Amino acid sequence: MEQSKDSPDALRRACARPALALIDVVTDKPEIALPSKIQWTRAKGFGLYMPHAVSNSCADEAVELANTRFR
C-alpha cells in the first residue's frame, strides 16, 4: 500500500480473509506522527535517547530523528 487512501480497502480485504493476511505499507522512515500537545515525559525521553544514540555510534540516526521532529 503506497497511498493512505488505499488503507480502508486494504484493511477490509485483509479482515475478510479466513487466514492470516499481511499488509505491506510504504512509509517515510524519518516521518514520525507527533501528538498535538507534547508531554513532558516524551520530551524527557527524547532528551535521554539522543546522548545514548550518539554514544552508540548512531549519530546519523539521531540527527535524522532530530531533523524530522523540528521541521
Protein backbone atom coordinates (compact mmCIF):
# COMPACT_ATOMS: atom_id res chain seq x y z
CA MET A 1 0.00 0.00 0.00
CA GLU A 2 1.54 3.30 -1.09
CA GLN A 3 -1.33 5.75 -0.66
CA SER A 4 -3.19 6.41 2.59
CA LYS A 5 -6.47 6.47 0.65
CA ASP A 6 -5.93 2.75 -0.04
CA SER A 7 -5.85 1.79 3.66
CA PRO A 8 -9.59 1.27 4.32
CA ASP A 9 -9.92 -1.09 1.36
CA ALA A 10 -6.70 -2.94 2.21
CA LEU A 11 -7.79 -3.43 5.83
CA ARG A 12 -11.25 -4.53 4.75
CA ARG A 13 -9.82 -7.14 2.35
CA ALA A 14 -7.32 -8.37 4.97
CA CYS A 15 -10.03 -8.78 7.63
CA ALA A 16 -12.30 -10.61 5.21
CA ARG A 17 -9.74 -13.38 4.65
CA PRO A 18 -10.21 -16.58 6.66
CA ALA A 19 -6.44 -16.90 7.09
CA LEU A 20 -3.71 -14.52 8.22
CA ALA A 21 -3.05 -11.53 5.99
CA LEU A 22 -0.08 -9.24 5.59
CA ILE A 23 -0.48 -5.60 4.58
CA ASP A 24 2.68 -4.10 3.13
CA VAL A 25 2.75 -0.36 3.86
CA VAL A 26 5.29 2.05 2.38
CA THR A 27 6.28 4.78 4.85
CA ASP A 28 8.73 7.63 5.05
CA LYS A 29 11.26 6.28 7.57
CA PRO A 30 12.06 9.53 9.34
CA GLU A 31 8.45 10.67 9.47
CA ILE A 32 7.05 10.37 12.97
CA ALA A 33 3.49 11.22 13.93
CA LEU A 34 3.57 13.80 16.68
CA PRO A 35 0.74 14.42 19.12
CA SER A 36 -0.91 17.83 19.04
CA LYS A 37 0.45 18.51 22.53
CA ILE A 38 3.92 17.36 23.53
CA GLN A 39 4.05 15.90 27.02
CA TRP A 40 6.96 16.45 29.40
CA THR A 41 7.63 12.70 29.67
CA ARG A 42 8.04 12.41 25.89
CA ALA A 43 10.38 15.40 25.72
CA LYS A 44 12.39 13.91 28.60
CA GLY A 45 12.56 10.54 26.83
CA PHE A 46 13.75 12.19 23.62
CA GLY A 47 16.41 14.06 25.60
CA LEU A 48 17.59 10.85 27.25
CA TYR A 49 17.65 8.94 23.95
CA MET A 50 19.81 11.41 21.99
CA PRO A 51 23.03 11.13 24.05
CA HIS A 52 22.60 7.35 24.15
CA ALA A 53 22.20 7.18 20.36
CA VAL A 54 25.21 9.41 19.75
CA SER A 55 27.41 7.46 22.17
CA ASN A 56 26.49 4.20 20.42
CA SER A 57 27.70 5.44 17.02
CA CYS A 58 24.16 6.18 15.86
CA ALA A 59 24.79 9.89 15.44
CA ASP A 60 23.41 9.90 11.88
CA GLU A 61 20.14 8.38 13.10
CA ALA A 62 19.95 10.85 15.99
CA VAL A 63 20.46 13.81 13.66
CA GLU A 64 17.88 12.43 11.22
CA LEU A 65 15.39 11.99 14.05
CA ALA A 66 16.01 15.49 15.39
CA ASN A 67 15.59 16.98 11.91
CA THR A 68 12.24 15.28 11.42
CA ARG A 69 11.00 16.43 14.82
CA PHE A 70 11.82 20.06 14.22
CA ARG A 71 10.82 20.57 10.57
